[in-house]
Amino acid sequence: MEFHEIEELPGYCSGMVCCTPKELFDLLLSDYENHLEIKLTKEHRNVTEEDKNEIAALCQFRLEKWEKGNAR
């Protein structure tokens, strides 16, 4: 869900519909990746290759954990 401050529509928000649990997980994982970028750089520098590797490893861990919990 995104919140927008538009003069004509204060408090307006938009959202994305995820039709499957996997779609929702992928969306949340993408947001988690963005969160980690901000956390690691504190928005004071560009993302380094080391940062990218750490983020990829953390996201991969979450993905594997989700897949293990959702294996059928």
PDB file of N, CA and C in Angstrom:
ATOM      1  N   MET A   1       0.839  -1.154   0.000  1.00  0.00           N
ATOM      2  CA  MET A   1       0.000   0.000   0.000  1.00  0.00           C
ATOM      3  C   MET A   1       0.893   1.228   0.000  1.00  0.00           C
ATOM      4  N   GLU A   2       0.528   2.200  -0.784  1.00  0.00           N
ATOM      5  CA  GLU A   2       1.276   3.439  -0.853  1.00  0.00           C
ATOM      6  C   GLU A   2       0.373   4.579  -0.430  1.00  0.00           C
ATOM      7  N   PHE A   3       0.925   5.509   0.309  1.00  0.00           N
ATOM      8  CA  PHE A   3       0.169   6.672   0.724  1.00  0.00           C
ATOM      9  C   PHE A   3       0.666   7.876  -0.046  1.00  0.00           C
ATOM     10  N   HIS A   4      -0.248   8.700  -0.500  1.00  0.00           N
ATOM     11  CA  HIS A   4       0.088   9.869  -1.292  1.00  0.00           C
ATOM     12  C   HIS A   4      -0.553  11.089  -0.653  1.00  0.00           C
ATOM     13  N   GLU A   5       0.168  12.144  -0.626  1.00  0.00           N
ATOM     14  CA  GLU A   5      -0.402  13.407  -0.160  1.00  0.00           C
ATOM     15  C   GLU A   5      -0.666  14.259  -1.387  1.00  0.00           C
ATOM     16  N   ILE A   6      -1.893  14.293  -1.798  1.00  0.00           N
ATOM     17  CA  ILE A   6      -2.326  15.085  -2.938  1.00  0.00           C
ATOM     18  C   ILE A   6      -3.274  16.138  -2.402  1.00  0.00           C
ATOM     19  N   GLU A   7      -3.080  17.393  -2.818  1.00  0.00           N
ATOM     20  CA  GLU A   7      -3.911  18.469  -2.286  1.00  0.00           C
ATOM     21  C   GLU A   7      -5.392  18.146  -2.370  1.00  0.00           C
ATOM     22  N   GLU A   8      -5.811  17.641  -3.528  1.00  0.00           N
ATOM     23  CA  GLU A   8      -7.225  17.369  -3.733  1.00  0.00           C
ATOM     24  C   GLU A   8      -7.704  16.155  -2.937  1.00  0.00           C
ATOM     25  N   LEU A   9      -6.794  15.228  -2.642  1.00  0.00           N
ATOM     26  CA  LEU A   9      -7.168  13.985  -1.969  1.00  0.00           C
ATOM     27  C   LEU A   9      -6.239  13.701  -0.792  1.00  0.00           C
ATOM     28  N   PRO A  10      -6.324  14.475   0.275  1.00  0.00           N
ATOM     29  CA  PRO A  10      -5.429  14.215   1.411  1.00  0.00           C
ATOM     30  C   PRO A  10      -5.678  12.821   1.990  1.00  0.00           C
ATOM     31  N   GLY A  11      -4.602  12.134   2.303  1.00  0.00           N
ATOM     32  CA  GLY A  11      -4.716  10.800   2.878  1.00  0.00           C
ATOM     33  C   GLY A  11      -5.033   9.723   1.866  1.00  0.00           C
ATOM     34  N   TYR A  12      -4.987  10.049   0.595  1.00  0.00           N
ATOM     35  CA  TYR A  12      -5.269   9.076  -0.466  1.00  0.00           C
ATOM     36  C   TYR A  12      -4.223   7.971  -0.437  1.00  0.00           C
ATOM     37  N   CYS A  13      -4.646   6.768  -0.657  1.00  0.00           N
ATOM     38  CA  CYS A  13      -3.698   5.662  -0.724  1.00  0.00           C
ATOM     39  C   CYS A  13      -4.079   4.735  -1.871  1.00  0.00           C
ATOM     40  N   SER A  14      -3.092   4.020  -2.350  1.00  0.00           N
ATOM     41  CA  SER A  14      -3.337   3.032  -3.392  1.00  0.00           C
ATOM     42  C   SER A  14      -2.715   1.722  -2.933  1.00  0.00           C
ATOM     43  N   GLY A  15      -3.122   0.649  -3.518  1.00  0.00           N
ATOM     44  CA  GLY A  15      -2.605  -0.640  -3.108  1.00  0.00           C
ATOM     45  C   GLY A  15      -2.424  -1.570  -4.282  1.00  0.00           C
ATOM     46  N   MET A  16      -1.817  -2.691  -4.023  1.00  0.00           N
ATOM     47  CA  MET A  16      -1.603  -3.702  -5.039  1.00  0.00           C
ATOM     48  C   MET A  16      -2.290  -4.974  -4.569  1.00  0.00           C
ATOM     49  N   VAL A  17      -3.009  -5.621  -5.456  1.00  0.00           N
ATOM     50  CA  VAL A  17      -3.680  -6.868  -5.128  1.00  0.00           C
ATOM     51  C   VAL A  17      -2.770  -8.024  -5.519  1.00  0.00           C
ATOM     52  N   CYS A  18      -2.499  -8.886  -4.585  1.00  0.00           N
ATOM     53  CA  CYS A  18      -1.712 -10.080  -4.845  1.00  0.00           C
ATOM     54  C   CYS A  18      -2.671 -11.263  -4.855  1.00  0.00           C
ATOM     55  N   CYS A  19      -2.680 -11.981  -5.960  1.00  0.00           N
ATOM     56  CA  CYS A  19      -3.641 -13.075  -6.137  1.00  0.00           C
ATOM     57  C   CYS A  19      -3.196 -14.384  -5.502  1.00  0.00           C
ATOM     58  N   THR A  20      -1.921 -14.487  -5.202  1.00  0.00           N
ATOM     59  CA  THR A  20      -1.418 -15.721  -4.602  1.00  0.00           C
ATOM     60  C   THR A  20      -0.488 -15.379  -3.430  1.00  0.00           C
ATOM     61  N   PRO A  21      -0.305 -16.315  -2.531  1.00  0.00           N
ATOM     62  CA  PRO A  21       0.655 -16.087  -1.449  1.00  0.00           C
ATOM     63  C   PRO A  21       2.064 -15.806  -1.987  1.00  0.00           C
ATOM     64  N   LYS A  22       2.440 -16.449  -3.089  1.00  0.00           N
ATOM     65  CA  LYS A  22       3.777 -16.237  -3.671  1.00  0.00           C
ATOM     66  C   LYS A  22       3.918 -14.806  -4.184  1.00  0.00           C
ATOM     67  N   GLU A  23       2.876 -14.278  -4.814  1.00  0.00           N
ATOM     68  CA  GLU A  23       2.924 -12.889  -5.280  1.00  0.00           C
ATOM     69  C   GLU A  23       3.100 -11.933  -4.099  1.00  0.00           C
ATOM     70  N   LEU A  24       2.373 -12.191  -3.021  1.00  0.00           N
ATOM     71  CA  LEU A  24       2.507 -11.364  -1.827  1.00  0.00           C
ATOM     72  C   LEU A  24       3.903 -11.484  -1.249  1.00  0.00           C
ATOM     73  N   PHE A  25       4.426 -12.695  -1.170  1.00  0.00           N
ATOM     74  CA  PHE A  25       5.765 -12.892  -0.638  1.00  0.00           C
ATOM     75  C   PHE A  25       6.789 -12.141  -1.480  1.00  0.00           C
ATOM     76  N   ASP A  26       6.685 -12.244  -2.805  1.00  0.00           N
ATOM     77  CA  ASP A  26       7.635 -11.559  -3.690  1.00  0.00           C
ATOM     78  C   ASP A  26       7.583 -10.046  -3.498  1.00  0.00           C
ATOM     79  N   LEU A  27       6.389  -9.505  -3.337  1.00  0.00           N
ATOM     80  CA  LEU A  27       6.242  -8.069  -3.104  1.00  0.00           C
ATOM     81  C   LEU A  27       6.876  -7.669  -1.774  1.00  0.00           C
ATOM     82  N   LEU A  28       6.601  -8.454  -0.739  1.00  0.00           N
ATOM     83  CA  LEU A  28       7.182  -8.166   0.573  1.00  0.00           C
ATOM     84  C   LEU A  28       8.699  -8.327   0.565  1.00  0.00           C
ATOM     85  N   LEU A  29       9.197  -9.306  -0.172  1.00  0.00           N
ATOM     86  CA  LEU A  29      10.643  -9.518  -0.260  1.00  0.00           C
ATOM     87  C   LEU A  29      11.314  -8.332  -0.950  1.00  0.00           C
ATOM     88  N   SER A  30      10.666  -7.790  -1.965  1.00  0.00           N
ATOM     89  CA  SER A  30      11.185  -6.609  -2.648  1.00  0.00           C
ATOM     90  C   SER A  30      11.245  -5.415  -1.698  1.00  0.00           C
ATOM     91  N   ASP A  31      10.202  -5.240  -0.899  1.00  0.00           N
ATOM     92  CA  ASP A  31      10.195  -4.161   0.091  1.00  0.00           C
ATOM     93  C   ASP A  31      11.271  -4.388   1.153  1.00  0.00           C
ATOM     94  N   TYR A  32      11.469  -5.633   1.530  1.00  0.00           N
ATOM     95  CA  TYR A  32      12.516  -5.981   2.504  1.00  0.00           C
ATOM     96  C   TYR A  32      13.895  -5.626   1.938  1.00  0.00           C
ATOM     97  N   GLU A  33      14.097  -5.913   0.668  1.00  0.00           N
ATOM     98  CA  GLU A  33      15.362  -5.582   0.005  1.00  0.00           C
ATOM     99  C   GLU A  33      15.593  -4.066   0.053  1.00  0.00           C
ATOM    100  N   ASN A  34      14.562  -3.287  -0.244  1.00  0.00           N
ATOM    101  CA  ASN A  34      14.684  -1.825  -0.175  1.00  0.00           C
ATOM    102  C   ASN A  34      14.975  -1.365   1.252  1.00  0.00           C
ATOM    103  N   HIS A  35      14.323  -1.986   2.222  1.00  0.00           N
ATOM    104  CA  HIS A  35      14.551  -1.664   3.630  1.00  0.00           C
ATOM    105  C   HIS A  35      16.012  -1.917   4.003  1.00  0.00           C
ATOM    106  N   LEU A  36      16.546  -3.052   3.563  1.00  0.00           N
ATOM    107  CA  LEU A  36      17.939  -3.382   3.884  1.00  0.00           C
ATOM    108  C   LEU A  36      18.908  -2.387   3.249  1.00  0.00           C
ATOM    109  N   GLU A  37      18.623  -1.952   2.029  1.00  0.00           N
ATOM    110  CA  GLU A  37      19.475  -0.950   1.384  1.00  0.00           C
ATOM    111  C   GLU A  37      19.534   0.324   2.219  1.00  0.00           C
ATOM    112  N   ILE A  38      18.385   0.769   2.683  1.00  0.00           N
ATOM    113  CA  ILE A  38      18.335   1.983   3.501  1.00  0.00           C
ATOM    114  C   ILE A  38      19.048   1.757   4.829  1.00  0.00           C
ATOM    115  N   LYS A  39      18.806   0.607   5.442  1.00  0.00           N
ATOM    116  CA  LYS A  39      19.413   0.291   6.737  1.00  0.00           C
ATOM    117  C   LYS A  39      20.942   0.250   6.636  1.00  0.00           C
ATOM    118  N   LEU A  40      21.452  -0.390   5.585  1.00  0.00           N
ATOM    119  CA  LEU A  40      22.905  -0.532   5.449  1.00  0.00           C
ATOM    120  C   LEU A  40      23.599   0.774   5.074  1.00  0.00           C
ATOM    121  N   THR A  41      22.960   1.563   4.241  1.00  0.00           N
ATOM    122  CA  THR A  41      23.608   2.798   3.769  1.00  0.00           C
ATOM    123  C   THR A  41      23.230   4.011   4.604  1.00  0.00           C
ATOM    124  N   LYS A  42      22.200   3.860   5.410  1.00  0.00           N
ATOM    125  CA  LYS A  42      21.663   4.970   6.209  1.00  0.00           C
ATOM    126  C   LYS A  42      21.363   6.172   5.316  1.00  0.00           C
ATOM    127  N   GLU A  43      21.111   5.894   4.044  1.00  0.00           N
ATOM    128  CA  GLU A  43      20.801   6.893   3.022  1.00  0.00           C
ATOM    129  C   GLU A  43      21.896   7.957   2.893  1.00  0.00           C
ATOM    130  N   HIS A  44      23.135   7.605   3.251  1.00  0.00           N
ATOM    131  CA  HIS A  44      24.248   8.556   3.185  1.00  0.00           C
ATOM    132  C   HIS A  44      25.291   8.160   2.144  1.00  0.00           C
ATOM    133  N   ARG A  45      25.072   7.034   1.483  1.00  0.00           N
ATOM    134  CA  ARG A  45      26.041   6.588   0.476  1.00  0.00           C
ATOM    135  C   ARG A  45      25.343   5.639  -0.489  1.00  0.00           C
ATOM    136  N   ASN A  46      26.025   5.357  -1.587  1.00  0.00           N
ATOM    137  CA  ASN A  46      25.491   4.400  -2.550  1.00  0.00           C
ATOM    138  C   ASN A  46      25.664   2.978  -2.036  1.00  0.00           C
ATOM    139  N   VAL A  47      24.848   2.090  -2.546  1.00  0.00           N
ATOM    140  CA  VAL A  47      24.939   0.677  -2.193  1.00  0.00           C
ATOM    141  C   VAL A  47      26.204   0.104  -2.833  1.00  0.00           C
ATOM    142  N   THR A  48      27.027  -0.557  -2.028  1.00  0.00           N
ATOM    143  CA  THR A  48      28.260  -1.152  -2.536  1.00  0.00           C
ATOM    144  C   THR A  48      28.012  -2.596  -2.970  1.00  0.00           C
ATOM    145  N   GLU A  49      28.987  -3.163  -3.613  1.00  0.00           N
ATOM    146  CA  GLU A  49      28.901  -4.571  -4.018  1.00  0.00           C
ATOM    147  C   GLU A  49      28.786  -5.467  -2.788  1.00  0.00           C
ATOM    148  N   GLU A  50      29.498  -5.109  -1.741  1.00  0.00           N
ATOM    149  CA  GLU A  50      29.415  -5.862  -0.476  1.00  0.00           C
ATOM    150  C   GLU A  50      27.992  -5.794   0.094  1.00  0.00           C
ATOM    151  N   ASP A  51      27.395  -4.602   0.043  1.00  0.00           N
ATOM    152  CA  ASP A  51      26.005  -4.444   0.494  1.00  0.00           C
ATOM    153  C   ASP A  51      25.077  -5.334  -0.325  1.00  0.00           C
ATOM    154  N   LYS A  52      25.246  -5.306  -1.644  1.00  0.00           N
ATOM    155  CA  LYS A  52      24.398  -6.104  -2.528  1.00  0.00           C
ATOM    156  C   LYS A  52      24.502  -7.587  -2.203  1.00  0.00           C
ATOM    157  N   ASN A  53      25.726  -8.047  -1.923  1.00  0.00           N
ATOM    158  CA  ASN A  53      25.930  -9.456  -1.587  1.00  0.00           C
ATOM    159  C   ASN A  53      25.253  -9.814  -0.264  1.00  0.00           C
ATOM    160  N   GLU A  54      25.363  -8.926   0.716  1.00  0.00           N
ATOM    161  CA  GLU A  54      24.728  -9.167   2.015  1.00  0.00           C
ATOM    162  C   GLU A  54      23.203  -9.178   1.872  1.00  0.00           C
ATOM    163  N   ILE A  55      22.676  -8.237   1.117  1.00  0.00           N
ATOM    164  CA  ILE A  55      21.231  -8.157   0.893  1.00  0.00           C
ATOM    165  C   ILE A  55      20.744  -9.409   0.166  1.00  0.00           C
ATOM    166  N   ALA A  56      21.478  -9.821  -0.864  1.00  0.00           N
ATOM    167  CA  ALA A  56      21.091 -11.015  -1.618  1.00  0.00           C
ATOM    168  C   ALA A  56      21.071 -12.246  -0.716  1.00  0.00           C
ATOM    169  N   ALA A  57      22.066 -12.369   0.162  1.00  0.00           N
ATOM    170  CA  ALA A  57      22.130 -13.517   1.071  1.00  0.00           C
ATOM    171  C   ALA A  57      20.952 -13.503   2.046  1.00  0.00           C
ATOM    172  N   LEU A  58      20.632 -12.340   2.592  1.00  0.00           N
ATOM    173  CA  LEU A  58      19.507 -12.241   3.526  1.00  0.00           C
ATOM    174  C   LEU A  58      18.182 -12.533   2.835  1.00  0.00           C
ATOM    175  N   CYS A  59      18.021 -12.030   1.619  1.00  0.00           N
ATOM    176  CA  CYS A  59      16.792 -12.289   0.871  1.00  0.00           C
ATOM    177  C   CYS A  59      16.690 -13.764   0.485  1.00  0.00           C
ATOM    178  N   GLN A  60      17.815 -14.356   0.106  1.00  0.00           N
ATOM    179  CA  GLN A  60      17.828 -15.773  -0.249  1.00  0.00           C
ATOM    180  C   GLN A  60      17.452 -16.629   0.952  1.00  0.00           C
ATOM    181  N   PHE A  61      17.946 -16.253   2.127  1.00  0.00           N
ATOM    182  CA  PHE A  61      17.595 -16.966   3.355  1.00  0.00           C
ATOM    183  C   PHE A  61      16.087 -16.915   3.590  1.00  0.00           C
ATOM    184  N   ARG A  62      15.497 -15.721   3.441  1.00  0.00           N
ATOM    185  CA  ARG A  62      14.047 -15.575   3.626  1.00  0.00           C
ATOM    186  C   ARG A  62      13.276 -16.396   2.597  1.00  0.00           C
ATOM    187  N   LEU A  63      13.750 -16.370   1.339  1.00  0.00           N
ATOM    188  CA  LEU A  63      13.088 -17.121   0.275  1.00  0.00           C
ATOM    189  C   LEU A  63      13.123 -18.617   0.569  1.00  0.00           C
ATOM    190  N   GLU A  64      14.272 -19.136   0.963  1.00  0.00           N
ATOM    191  CA  GLU A  64      14.389 -20.564   1.269  1.00  0.00           C
ATOM    192  C   GLU A  64      13.510 -20.945   2.456  1.00  0.00           C
ATOM    193  N   LYS A  65      13.471 -20.087   3.456  1.00  0.00           N
ATOM    194  CA  LYS A  65      12.639 -20.344   4.629  1.00  0.00           C
ATOM    195  C   LYS A  65      11.161 -20.368   4.230  1.00  0.00           C
ATOM    196  N   TRP A  66      10.745 -19.426   3.362  1.00  0.00           N
ATOM    197  CA  TRP A  66       9.359 -19.384   2.908  1.00  0.00           C
ATOM    198  C   TRP A  66       9.034 -20.626   2.086  1.00  0.00           C
ATOM    199  N   GLU A  67       9.950 -20.993   1.177  1.00  0.00           N
ATOM    200  CA  GLU A  67       9.707 -22.169   0.324  1.00  0.00           C
ATOM    201  C   GLU A  67       9.618 -23.441   1.167  1.00  0.00           C
ATOM    202  N   LYS A  68      10.459 -23.543   2.183  1.00  0.00           N
ATOM    203  CA  LYS A  68      10.420 -24.726   3.047  1.00  0.00           C
ATOM    204  C   LYS A  68       9.083 -24.807   3.791  1.00  0.00           C
ATOM    205  N   GLY A  69       8.601 -23.676   4.241  1.00  0.00           N
ATOM    206  CA  GLY A  69       7.339 -23.643   4.964  1.00  0.00           C
ATOM    207  C   GLY A  69       6.123 -23.816   4.075  1.00  0.00           C
ATOM    208  N   ASN A  70       6.307 -23.639   2.771  1.00  0.00           N
ATOM    209  CA  ASN A  70       5.186 -23.727   1.839  1.00  0.00           C
ATOM    210  C   ASN A  70       5.331 -24.882   0.847  1.00  0.00           C
ATOM    211  N   ALA A  71       6.260 -25.774   1.125  1.00  0.00           N
ATOM    212  CA  ALA A  71       6.453 -26.951   0.244  1.00  0.00           C
ATOM    213  C   ALA A  71       5.239 -27.851   0.351  1.00  0.00           C
ATOM    214  N   ARG A  72       4.852 -28.380  -0.774  1.00  0.00           N
ATOM    215  CA  ARG A  72       3.675 -29.260  -0.780  1.00  0.00           C
ATOM    216  C   ARG A  72       4.024 -30.566  -1.439  1.00  0.00           C
TER     217      ARG A  72
END
